[in-house]
């Protein structure tokens, strides 16, 4: 990936999905993710693990935020900002794909 994705570039209508070049597993309360292209492992827990587990199928950023707000006590503005930052980090590490398409 040549360009760094900034959280401000991620919009509620964008569709996100786990990249094909990764494998992940739930270990206790943590999700361990391997980027098979780089060989780098990533570990996430808490809200990040909750989000990751919803990325097996294409989903809009807005739908992810709605799911997080139903599960956790967080306001919409904070949720959108935190989810955008998390998704930008996932994308910059080659773990997800982001598109403007409508989920299937």
PDB file of N, CA and C in Angstrom:
ATOM      1  N   UNK A   1       0.845  -1.167   0.000  1.00  0.00           N
ATOM      2  CA  UNK A   1       0.000   0.000   0.000  1.00  0.00           C
ATOM      3  C   UNK A   1       0.892   1.231   0.000  1.00  0.00           C
ATOM      4  N   UNK A   2       0.653   2.117  -0.939  1.00  0.00           N
ATOM      5  CA  UNK A   2       1.533   3.267  -1.074  1.00  0.00           C
ATOM      6  C   UNK A   2       1.056   4.469  -0.273  1.00  0.00           C
ATOM      7  N   UNK A   3      -0.219   4.639  -0.101  1.00  0.00           N
ATOM      8  CA  UNK A   3      -0.759   5.799   0.595  1.00  0.00           C
ATOM      9  C   UNK A   3      -1.254   5.405   1.981  1.00  0.00           C
ATOM     10  N   UNK A   4      -0.986   6.279   2.923  1.00  0.00           N
ATOM     11  CA  UNK A   4      -1.483   6.082   4.281  1.00  0.00           C
ATOM     12  C   UNK A   4      -2.921   6.606   4.328  1.00  0.00           C
ATOM     13  N   UNK A   5      -3.822   5.805   4.853  1.00  0.00           N
ATOM     14  CA  UNK A   5      -5.216   6.209   5.001  1.00  0.00           C
ATOM     15  C   UNK A   5      -5.377   6.908   6.343  1.00  0.00           C
ATOM     16  N   UNK A   6      -5.961   8.088   6.294  1.00  0.00           N
ATOM     17  CA  UNK A   6      -6.226   8.867   7.500  1.00  0.00           C
ATOM     18  C   UNK A   6      -7.661   8.591   7.972  1.00  0.00           C
ATOM     19  N   UNK A   7      -7.903   8.626   9.274  1.00  0.00           N
ATOM     20  CA  UNK A   7      -9.267   8.411   9.775  1.00  0.00           C
ATOM     21  C   UNK A   7     -10.299   9.344   9.127  1.00  0.00           C
ATOM     22  N   UNK A   8      -9.886  10.565   8.807  1.00  0.00           N
ATOM     23  CA  UNK A   8     -10.822  11.529   8.206  1.00  0.00           C
ATOM     24  C   UNK A   8     -11.261  11.113   6.800  1.00  0.00           C
ATOM     25  N   UNK A   9     -10.546  10.180   6.189  1.00  0.00           N
ATOM     26  CA  UNK A   9     -10.893   9.694   4.852  1.00  0.00           C
ATOM     27  C   UNK A   9     -11.926   8.569   4.886  1.00  0.00           C
ATOM     28  N   UNK A  10     -12.240   8.068   6.068  1.00  0.00           N
ATOM     29  CA  UNK A  10     -13.187   6.964   6.204  1.00  0.00           C
ATOM     30  C   UNK A  10     -14.561   7.544   6.511  1.00  0.00           C
ATOM     31  N   UNK A  11     -15.527   7.242   5.644  1.00  0.00           N
ATOM     32  CA  UNK A  11     -16.863   7.814   5.746  1.00  0.00           C
ATOM     33  C   UNK A  11     -17.876   6.748   6.174  1.00  0.00           C
ATOM     34  N   UNK A  12     -18.969   7.154   6.805  1.00  0.00           N
ATOM     35  CA  UNK A  12     -19.979   6.201   7.272  1.00  0.00           C
ATOM     36  C   UNK A  12     -20.528   5.284   6.185  1.00  0.00           C
ATOM     37  N   UNK A  13     -20.551   5.750   4.947  1.00  0.00           N
ATOM     38  CA  UNK A  13     -21.099   4.934   3.855  1.00  0.00           C
ATOM     39  C   UNK A  13     -20.091   3.956   3.267  1.00  0.00           C
ATOM     40  N   UNK A  14     -18.813   4.082   3.614  1.00  0.00           N
ATOM     41  CA  UNK A  14     -17.815   3.157   3.091  1.00  0.00           C
ATOM     42  C   UNK A  14     -18.102   1.736   3.573  1.00  0.00           C
ATOM     43  N   UNK A  15     -17.773   0.787   2.725  1.00  0.00           N
ATOM     44  CA  UNK A  15     -17.946  -0.628   3.046  1.00  0.00           C
ATOM     45  C   UNK A  15     -16.573  -1.206   3.378  1.00  0.00           C
ATOM     46  N   UNK A  16     -16.499  -1.936   4.481  1.00  0.00           N
ATOM     47  CA  UNK A  16     -15.241  -2.541   4.917  1.00  0.00           C
ATOM     48  C   UNK A  16     -15.422  -4.046   5.062  1.00  0.00           C
ATOM     49  N   UNK A  17     -14.326  -4.768   4.827  1.00  0.00           N
ATOM     50  CA  UNK A  17     -14.330  -6.219   4.964  1.00  0.00           C
ATOM     51  C   UNK A  17     -12.895  -6.659   5.233  1.00  0.00           C
ATOM     52  N   UNK A  18     -12.747  -7.767   5.951  1.00  0.00           N
ATOM     53  CA  UNK A  18     -11.412  -8.310   6.204  1.00  0.00           C
ATOM     54  C   UNK A  18     -10.742  -8.640   4.875  1.00  0.00           C
ATOM     55  N   UNK A  19      -9.454  -8.350   4.764  1.00  0.00           N
ATOM     56  CA  UNK A  19      -8.687  -8.632   3.553  1.00  0.00           C
ATOM     57  C   UNK A  19      -8.553 -10.138   3.365  1.00  0.00           C
ATOM     58  N   UNK A  20      -8.400 -10.549   2.122  1.00  0.00           N
ATOM     59  CA  UNK A  20      -8.225 -11.977   1.831  1.00  0.00           C
ATOM     60  C   UNK A  20      -6.863 -12.470   2.291  1.00  0.00           C
ATOM     61  N   UNK A  21      -5.881 -11.572   2.365  1.00  0.00           N
ATOM     62  CA  UNK A  21      -4.517 -11.964   2.724  1.00  0.00           C
ATOM     63  C   UNK A  21      -4.293 -11.896   4.231  1.00  0.00           C
ATOM     64  N   UNK A  22      -5.254 -12.386   4.994  1.00  0.00           N
ATOM     65  CA  UNK A  22      -5.112 -12.437   6.451  1.00  0.00           C
ATOM     66  C   UNK A  22      -5.813 -13.679   6.971  1.00  0.00           C
ATOM     67  N   UNK A  23      -5.365 -14.124   8.113  1.00  0.00           N
ATOM     68  CA  UNK A  23      -6.066 -15.165   8.857  1.00  0.00           C
ATOM     69  C   UNK A  23      -6.155 -14.675  10.297  1.00  0.00           C
ATOM     70  N   UNK A  24      -7.249 -15.034  10.957  1.00  0.00           N
ATOM     71  CA  UNK A  24      -7.410 -14.579  12.335  1.00  0.00           C
ATOM     72  C   UNK A  24      -8.043 -15.665  13.168  1.00  0.00           C
ATOM     73  N   UNK A  25      -7.837 -15.536  14.475  1.00  0.00           N
ATOM     74  CA  UNK A  25      -8.382 -16.513  15.409  1.00  0.00           C
ATOM     75  C   UNK A  25      -8.663 -15.824  16.740  1.00  0.00           C
ATOM     76  N   UNK A  26      -9.746 -16.230  17.363  1.00  0.00           N
ATOM     77  CA  UNK A  26     -10.086 -15.736  18.691  1.00  0.00           C
ATOM     78  C   UNK A  26      -9.351 -16.585  19.713  1.00  0.00           C
ATOM     79  N   UNK A  27      -8.541 -15.946  20.544  1.00  0.00           N
ATOM     80  CA  UNK A  27      -7.783 -16.624  21.595  1.00  0.00           C
ATOM     81  C   UNK A  27      -8.145 -15.944  22.904  1.00  0.00           C
ATOM     82  N   UNK A  28      -8.925 -16.652  23.730  1.00  0.00           N
ATOM     83  CA  UNK A  28      -9.484 -16.066  24.949  1.00  0.00           C
ATOM     84  C   UNK A  28     -10.313 -14.853  24.562  1.00  0.00           C
ATOM     85  N   UNK A  29      -9.965 -13.667  25.035  1.00  0.00           N
ATOM     86  CA  UNK A  29     -10.723 -12.458  24.703  1.00  0.00           C
ATOM     87  C   UNK A  29     -10.012 -11.601  23.659  1.00  0.00           C
ATOM     88  N   UNK A  30      -8.973 -12.156  23.029  1.00  0.00           N
ATOM     89  CA  UNK A  30      -8.188 -11.410  22.056  1.00  0.00           C
ATOM     90  C   UNK A  30      -8.319 -12.054  20.679  1.00  0.00           C
ATOM     91  N   UNK A  31      -8.323 -11.217  19.648  1.00  0.00           N
ATOM     92  CA  UNK A  31      -8.268 -11.718  18.280  1.00  0.00           C
ATOM     93  C   UNK A  31      -6.837 -11.531  17.795  1.00  0.00           C
ATOM     94  N   UNK A  32      -6.251 -12.612  17.302  1.00  0.00           N
ATOM     95  CA  UNK A  32      -4.908 -12.574  16.739  1.00  0.00           C
ATOM     96  C   UNK A  32      -5.062 -12.637  15.223  1.00  0.00           C
ATOM     97  N   UNK A  33      -4.466 -11.668  14.534  1.00  0.00           N
ATOM     98  CA  UNK A  33      -4.600 -11.544  13.091  1.00  0.00           C
ATOM     99  C   UNK A  33      -3.214 -11.617  12.468  1.00  0.00           C
ATOM    100  N   UNK A  34      -3.062 -12.452  11.450  1.00  0.00           N
ATOM    101  CA  UNK A  34      -1.808 -12.559  10.715  1.00  0.00           C
ATOM    102  C   UNK A  34      -2.015 -12.011   9.318  1.00  0.00           C
ATOM    103  N   UNK A  35      -1.220 -11.021   8.937  1.00  0.00           N
ATOM    104  CA  UNK A  35      -1.185 -10.564   7.556  1.00  0.00           C
ATOM    105  C   UNK A  35      -0.249 -11.525   6.837  1.00  0.00           C
ATOM    106  N   UNK A  36      -0.790 -12.378   5.974  1.00  0.00           N
ATOM    107  CA  UNK A  36       0.030 -13.417   5.346  1.00  0.00           C
ATOM    108  C   UNK A  36       0.999 -12.848   4.322  1.00  0.00           C
ATOM    109  N   UNK A  37       0.746 -11.644   3.819  1.00  0.00           N
ATOM    110  CA  UNK A  37       1.678 -11.022   2.871  1.00  0.00           C
ATOM    111  C   UNK A  37       2.933 -10.510   3.566  1.00  0.00           C
ATOM    112  N   UNK A  38       2.778  -9.974   4.779  1.00  0.00           N
ATOM    113  CA  UNK A  38       3.922  -9.386   5.481  1.00  0.00           C
ATOM    114  C   UNK A  38       4.480 -10.294   6.568  1.00  0.00           C
ATOM    115  N   UNK A  39       3.676 -11.271   7.023  1.00  0.00           N
ATOM    116  CA  UNK A  39       4.099 -12.132   8.116  1.00  0.00           C
ATOM    117  C   UNK A  39       3.985 -11.480   9.477  1.00  0.00           C
ATOM    118  N   UNK A  40       3.320 -10.339   9.556  1.00  0.00           N
ATOM    119  CA  UNK A  40       3.191  -9.597  10.808  1.00  0.00           C
ATOM    120  C   UNK A  40       1.895  -9.987  11.508  1.00  0.00           C
ATOM    121  N   UNK A  41       2.024 -10.301  12.799  1.00  0.00           N
ATOM    122  CA  UNK A  41       0.870 -10.606  13.645  1.00  0.00           C
ATOM    123  C   UNK A  41       0.361  -9.332  14.306  1.00  0.00           C
ATOM    124  N   UNK A  42      -0.950  -9.265  14.490  1.00  0.00           N
ATOM    125  CA  UNK A  42      -1.586  -8.158  15.196  1.00  0.00           C
ATOM    126  C   UNK A  42      -2.526  -8.759  16.225  1.00  0.00           C
ATOM    127  N   UNK A  43      -2.597  -8.153  17.384  1.00  0.00           N
ATOM    128  CA  UNK A  43      -3.515  -8.614  18.412  1.00  0.00           C
ATOM    129  C   UNK A  43      -4.437  -7.484  18.817  1.00  0.00           C
ATOM    130  N   UNK A  44      -5.731  -7.770  18.882  1.00  0.00           N
ATOM    131  CA  UNK A  44      -6.702  -6.760  19.313  1.00  0.00           C
ATOM    132  C   UNK A  44      -7.629  -7.376  20.346  1.00  0.00           C
ATOM    133  N   UNK A  45      -8.114  -6.531  21.244  1.00  0.00           N
ATOM    134  CA  UNK A  45      -9.080  -6.995  22.238  1.00  0.00           C
ATOM    135  C   UNK A  45     -10.125  -5.921  22.455  1.00  0.00           C
ATOM    136  N   UNK A  46     -11.031  -6.150  23.353  1.00  0.00           N
ATOM    137  CA  UNK A  46     -12.056  -5.171  23.677  1.00  0.00           C
ATOM    138  C   UNK A  46     -12.903  -4.801  22.467  1.00  0.00           C
ATOM    139  N   UNK A  47     -13.125  -3.505  22.295  1.00  0.00           N
ATOM    140  CA  UNK A  47     -13.955  -3.010  21.204  1.00  0.00           C
ATOM    141  C   UNK A  47     -13.343  -3.372  19.850  1.00  0.00           C
ATOM    142  N   UNK A  48     -12.030  -3.313  19.732  1.00  0.00           N
ATOM    143  CA  UNK A  48     -11.376  -3.646  18.459  1.00  0.00           C
ATOM    144  C   UNK A  48     -11.652  -5.097  18.065  1.00  0.00           C
ATOM    145  N   UNK A  49     -11.639  -6.009  19.029  1.00  0.00           N
ATOM    146  CA  UNK A  49     -11.960  -7.414  18.743  1.00  0.00           C
ATOM    147  C   UNK A  49     -13.429  -7.548  18.352  1.00  0.00           C
ATOM    148  N   UNK A  50     -14.301  -6.804  19.016  1.00  0.00           N
ATOM    149  CA  UNK A  50     -15.725  -6.800  18.690  1.00  0.00           C
ATOM    150  C   UNK A  50     -15.923  -6.365  17.238  1.00  0.00           C
ATOM    151  N   UNK A  51     -15.243  -5.303  16.840  1.00  0.00           N
ATOM    152  CA  UNK A  51     -15.334  -4.807  15.464  1.00  0.00           C
ATOM    153  C   UNK A  51     -14.769  -5.840  14.494  1.00  0.00           C
ATOM    154  N   UNK A  52     -13.586  -6.369  14.794  1.00  0.00           N
ATOM    155  CA  UNK A  52     -12.943  -7.328  13.884  1.00  0.00           C
ATOM    156  C   UNK A  52     -13.869  -8.516  13.585  1.00  0.00           C
ATOM    157  N   UNK A  53     -14.551  -8.999  14.588  1.00  0.00           N
ATOM    158  CA  UNK A  53     -15.412 -10.164  14.409  1.00  0.00           C
ATOM    159  C   UNK A  53     -16.595  -9.877  13.491  1.00  0.00           C
ATOM    160  N   UNK A  54     -16.845  -8.623  13.180  1.00  0.00           N
ATOM    161  CA  UNK A  54     -17.932  -8.250  12.270  1.00  0.00           C
ATOM    162  C   UNK A  54     -17.447  -7.968  10.860  1.00  0.00           C
ATOM    163  N   UNK A  55     -16.166  -8.185  10.598  1.00  0.00           N
ATOM    164  CA  UNK A  55     -15.596  -7.861   9.290  1.00  0.00           C
ATOM    165  C   UNK A  55     -15.448  -9.068   8.367  1.00  0.00           C
ATOM    166  N   UNK A  56     -16.019 -10.210   8.727  1.00  0.00           N
ATOM    167  CA  UNK A  56     -15.954 -11.390   7.857  1.00  0.00           C
ATOM    168  C   UNK A  56     -16.770 -11.201   6.586  1.00  0.00           C
ATOM    169  N   UNK A  57     -17.798 -10.365   6.660  1.00  0.00           N
ATOM    170  CA  UNK A  57     -18.636 -10.043   5.502  1.00  0.00           C
ATOM    171  C   UNK A  57     -18.625  -8.523   5.346  1.00  0.00           C
ATOM    172  N   UNK A  58     -18.823  -8.038   4.132  1.00  0.00           N
ATOM    173  CA  UNK A  58     -18.834  -6.582   3.925  1.00  0.00           C
ATOM    174  C   UNK A  58     -19.894  -5.902   4.789  1.00  0.00           C
ATOM    175  N   UNK A  59     -19.514  -4.785   5.384  1.00  0.00           N
ATOM    176  CA  UNK A  59     -20.400  -4.030   6.272  1.00  0.00           C
ATOM    177  C   UNK A  59     -20.047  -2.548   6.140  1.00  0.00           C
ATOM    178  N   UNK A  60     -21.050  -1.682   6.259  1.00  0.00           N
ATOM    179  CA  UNK A  60     -20.747  -0.255   6.208  1.00  0.00           C
ATOM    180  C   UNK A  60     -20.159   0.205   7.539  1.00  0.00           C
ATOM    181  N   UNK A  61     -19.408   1.275   7.469  1.00  0.00           N
ATOM    182  CA  UNK A  61     -18.848   1.873   8.681  1.00  0.00           C
ATOM    183  C   UNK A  61     -19.989   2.297   9.609  1.00  0.00           C
ATOM    184  N   UNK A  62     -21.049   2.834   9.036  1.00  0.00           N
ATOM    185  CA  UNK A  62     -22.202   3.242   9.835  1.00  0.00           C
ATOM    186  C   UNK A  62     -22.807   2.059  10.597  1.00  0.00           C
ATOM    187  N   UNK A  63     -22.949   0.907   9.926  1.00  0.00           N
ATOM    188  CA  UNK A  63     -23.490  -0.275  10.593  1.00  0.00           C
ATOM    189  C   UNK A  63     -22.568  -0.766  11.704  1.00  0.00           C
ATOM    190  N   UNK A  64     -21.248  -0.663  11.495  1.00  0.00           N
ATOM    191  CA  UNK A  64     -20.299  -1.031  12.557  1.00  0.00           C
ATOM    192  C   UNK A  64     -20.487  -0.125  13.768  1.00  0.00           C
ATOM    193  N   UNK A  65     -20.596   1.165  13.517  1.00  0.00           N
ATOM    194  CA  UNK A  65     -20.795   2.115  14.622  1.00  0.00           C
ATOM    195  C   UNK A  65     -22.091   1.826  15.364  1.00  0.00           C
ATOM    196  N   UNK A  66     -23.154   1.533  14.615  1.00  0.00           N
ATOM    197  CA  UNK A  66     -24.424   1.201  15.266  1.00  0.00           C
ATOM    198  C   UNK A  66     -24.270  -0.018  16.172  1.00  0.00           C
ATOM    199  N   UNK A  67     -23.564  -1.043  15.691  1.00  0.00           N
ATOM    200  CA  UNK A  67     -23.360  -2.254  16.491  1.00  0.00           C
ATOM    201  C   UNK A  67     -22.556  -1.941  17.755  1.00  0.00           C
ATOM    202  N   UNK A  68     -21.522  -1.131  17.631  1.00  0.00           N
ATOM    203  CA  UNK A  68     -20.700  -0.769  18.786  1.00  0.00           C
ATOM    204  C   UNK A  68     -21.524   0.029  19.796  1.00  0.00           C
ATOM    205  N   UNK A  69     -22.330   0.966  19.310  1.00  0.00           N
ATOM    206  CA  UNK A  69     -23.139   1.777  20.230  1.00  0.00           C
ATOM    207  C   UNK A  69     -24.210   0.951  20.937  1.00  0.00           C
ATOM    208  N   UNK A  70     -24.694  -0.113  20.291  1.00  0.00           N
ATOM    209  CA  UNK A  70     -25.656  -1.003  20.964  1.00  0.00           C
ATOM    210  C   UNK A  70     -24.967  -1.824  22.062  1.00  0.00           C
ATOM    211  N   UNK A  71     -23.714  -2.168  21.829  1.00  0.00           N
ATOM    212  CA  UNK A  71     -22.984  -3.052  22.751  1.00  0.00           C
ATOM    213  C   UNK A  71     -22.279  -2.288  23.880  1.00  0.00           C
ATOM    214  N   UNK A  72     -21.809  -1.080  23.582  1.00  0.00           N
ATOM    215  CA  UNK A  72     -20.999  -0.309  24.529  1.00  0.00           C
ATOM    216  C   UNK A  72     -21.646   1.057  24.786  1.00  0.00           C
ATOM    217  N   UNK A  73     -21.347   1.623  25.932  1.00  0.00           N
ATOM    218  CA  UNK A  73     -21.865   2.937  26.302  1.00  0.00           C
ATOM    219  C   UNK A  73     -20.951   4.010  25.715  1.00  0.00           C
ATOM    220  N   UNK A  74     -21.255   4.418  24.475  1.00  0.00           N
ATOM    221  CA  UNK A  74     -20.452   5.429  23.790  1.00  0.00           C
ATOM    222  C   UNK A  74     -21.373   6.275  22.925  1.00  0.00           C
ATOM    223  N   UNK A  75     -21.086   7.580  22.854  1.00  0.00           N
ATOM    224  CA  UNK A  75     -21.918   8.451  22.030  1.00  0.00           C
ATOM    225  C   UNK A  75     -21.496   8.340  20.558  1.00  0.00           C
ATOM    226  N   UNK A  76     -22.368   8.770  19.678  1.00  0.00           N
ATOM    227  CA  UNK A  76     -22.180   8.589  18.233  1.00  0.00           C
ATOM    228  C   UNK A  76     -20.919   9.274  17.721  1.00  0.00           C
ATOM    229  N   UNK A  77     -20.664  10.498  18.144  1.00  0.00           N
ATOM    230  CA  UNK A  77     -19.496  11.230  17.645  1.00  0.00           C
ATOM    231  C   UNK A  77     -18.195  10.538  18.032  1.00  0.00           C
ATOM    232  N   UNK A  78     -18.098  10.149  19.285  1.00  0.00           N
ATOM    233  CA  UNK A  78     -16.890   9.454  19.765  1.00  0.00           C
ATOM    234  C   UNK A  78     -16.740   8.100  19.063  1.00  0.00           C
ATOM    235  N   UNK A  79     -17.842   7.387  18.908  1.00  0.00           N
ATOM    236  CA  UNK A  79     -17.810   6.080  18.267  1.00  0.00           C
ATOM    237  C   UNK A  79     -17.298   6.205  16.839  1.00  0.00           C
ATOM    238  N   UNK A  80     -17.848   7.152  16.072  1.00  0.00           N
ATOM    239  CA  UNK A  80     -17.436   7.312  14.672  1.00  0.00           C
ATOM    240  C   UNK A  80     -15.951   7.652  14.562  1.00  0.00           C
ATOM    241  N   UNK A  81     -15.480   8.525  15.436  1.00  0.00           N
ATOM    242  CA  UNK A  81     -14.068   8.911  15.415  1.00  0.00           C
ATOM    243  C   UNK A  81     -13.174   7.723  15.764  1.00  0.00           C
ATOM    244  N   UNK A  82     -13.536   6.984  16.810  1.00  0.00           N
ATOM    245  CA  UNK A  82     -12.721   5.843  17.232  1.00  0.00           C
ATOM    246  C   UNK A  82     -12.746   4.719  16.203  1.00  0.00           C
ATOM    247  N   UNK A  83     -13.907   4.445  15.616  1.00  0.00           N
ATOM    248  CA  UNK A  83     -14.008   3.393  14.608  1.00  0.00           C
ATOM    249  C   UNK A  83     -13.227   3.787  13.361  1.00  0.00           C
ATOM    250  N   UNK A  84     -13.298   5.051  12.966  1.00  0.00           N
ATOM    251  CA  UNK A  84     -12.532   5.509  11.800  1.00  0.00           C
ATOM    252  C   UNK A  84     -11.033   5.337  12.046  1.00  0.00           C
ATOM    253  N   UNK A  85     -10.565   5.670  13.237  1.00  0.00           N
ATOM    254  CA  UNK A  85      -9.142   5.508  13.564  1.00  0.00           C
ATOM    255  C   UNK A  85      -8.746   4.031  13.546  1.00  0.00           C
ATOM    256  N   UNK A  86      -9.591   3.178  14.111  1.00  0.00           N
ATOM    257  CA  UNK A  86      -9.315   1.743  14.128  1.00  0.00           C
ATOM    258  C   UNK A  86      -9.282   1.182  12.712  1.00  0.00           C
ATOM    259  N   UNK A  87     -10.265   1.533  11.893  1.00  0.00           N
ATOM    260  CA  UNK A  87     -10.312   1.023  10.518  1.00  0.00           C
ATOM    261  C   UNK A  87      -9.145   1.540   9.692  1.00  0.00           C
ATOM    262  N   UNK A  88      -8.733   2.780   9.912  1.00  0.00           N
ATOM    263  CA  UNK A  88      -7.559   3.307   9.210  1.00  0.00           C
ATOM    264  C   UNK A  88      -6.324   2.490   9.586  1.00  0.00           C
ATOM    265  N   UNK A  89      -6.187   2.155  10.872  1.00  0.00           N
ATOM    266  CA  UNK A  89      -5.061   1.336  11.319  1.00  0.00           C
ATOM    267  C   UNK A  89      -5.107  -0.052  10.685  1.00  0.00           C
ATOM    268  N   UNK A  90      -6.288  -0.677  10.695  1.00  0.00           N
ATOM    269  CA  UNK A  90      -6.435  -1.979  10.035  1.00  0.00           C
ATOM    270  C   UNK A  90      -6.053  -1.878   8.563  1.00  0.00           C
ATOM    271  N   UNK A  91      -6.547  -0.862   7.873  1.00  0.00           N
ATOM    272  CA  UNK A  91      -6.270  -0.698   6.440  1.00  0.00           C
ATOM    273  C   UNK A  91      -4.788  -0.460   6.182  1.00  0.00           C
ATOM    274  N   UNK A  92      -4.162   0.371   6.992  1.00  0.00           N
ATOM    275  CA  UNK A  92      -2.746   0.685   6.801  1.00  0.00           C
ATOM    276  C   UNK A  92      -1.839  -0.502   7.100  1.00  0.00           C
ATOM    277  N   UNK A  93      -2.387  -1.499   7.788  1.00  0.00           N
ATOM    278  CA  UNK A  93      -1.638  -2.734   8.050  1.00  0.00           C
ATOM    279  C   UNK A  93      -2.059  -3.869   7.115  1.00  0.00           C
ATOM    280  N   UNK A  94      -2.858  -3.542   6.095  1.00  0.00           N
ATOM    281  CA  UNK A  94      -3.248  -4.522   5.095  1.00  0.00           C
ATOM    282  C   UNK A  94      -4.245  -5.557   5.582  1.00  0.00           C
ATOM    283  N   UNK A  95      -4.993  -5.233   6.637  1.00  0.00           N
ATOM    284  CA  UNK A  95      -5.904  -6.206   7.233  1.00  0.00           C
ATOM    285  C   UNK A  95      -7.322  -6.125   6.714  1.00  0.00           C
ATOM    286  N   UNK A  96      -7.703  -4.969   6.142  1.00  0.00           N
ATOM    287  CA  UNK A  96      -9.054  -4.809   5.606  1.00  0.00           C
ATOM    288  C   UNK A  96      -9.004  -4.140   4.240  1.00  0.00           C
ATOM    289  N   UNK A  97     -10.129  -4.245   3.543  1.00  0.00           N
ATOM    290  CA  UNK A  97     -10.334  -3.519   2.290  1.00  0.00           C
ATOM    291  C   UNK A  97     -11.467  -2.531   2.554  1.00  0.00           C
ATOM    292  N   UNK A  98     -11.346  -1.344   1.972  1.00  0.00           N
ATOM    293  CA  UNK A  98     -12.361  -0.302   2.097  1.00  0.00           C
ATOM    294  C   UNK A  98     -12.828   0.067   0.697  1.00  0.00           C
ATOM    295  N   UNK A  99     -14.137   0.165   0.527  1.00  0.00           N
ATOM    296  CA  UNK A  99     -14.661   0.568  -0.781  1.00  0.00           C
ATOM    297  C   UNK A  99     -15.877   1.464  -0.608  1.00  0.00           C
ATOM    298  N   UNK A 100     -16.302   2.045  -1.705  1.00  0.00           N
ATOM    299  CA  UNK A 100     -17.512   2.867  -1.724  1.00  0.00           C
ATOM    300  C   UNK A 100     -18.725   2.056  -2.126  1.00  0.00           C
ATOM    301  N   UNK A 101     -18.535   0.758  -2.368  1.00  0.00           N
ATOM    302  CA  UNK A 101     -19.617  -0.111  -2.858  1.00  0.00           C
ATOM    303  C   UNK A 101     -20.643  -0.377  -1.756  1.00  0.00           C
ATOM    304  N   UNK A 102     -21.798  -0.851  -2.166  1.00  0.00           N
ATOM    305  CA  UNK A 102     -22.857  -1.255  -1.254  1.00  0.00           C
ATOM    306  C   UNK A 102     -22.622  -2.708  -0.851  1.00  0.00           C
ATOM    307  N   UNK A 103     -22.746  -3.059   0.441  1.00  0.00           N
ATOM    308  CA  UNK A 103     -22.523  -4.449   0.826  1.00  0.00           C
ATOM    309  C   UNK A 103     -23.554  -5.377   0.160  1.00  0.00           C
ATOM    310  N   UNK A 104     -23.098  -6.587  -0.129  1.00  0.00           N
ATOM    311  CA  UNK A 104     -23.978  -7.566  -0.796  1.00  0.00           C
ATOM    312  C   UNK A 104     -25.033  -8.085   0.140  1.00  0.00           C
TER     313      UNK A 104
END
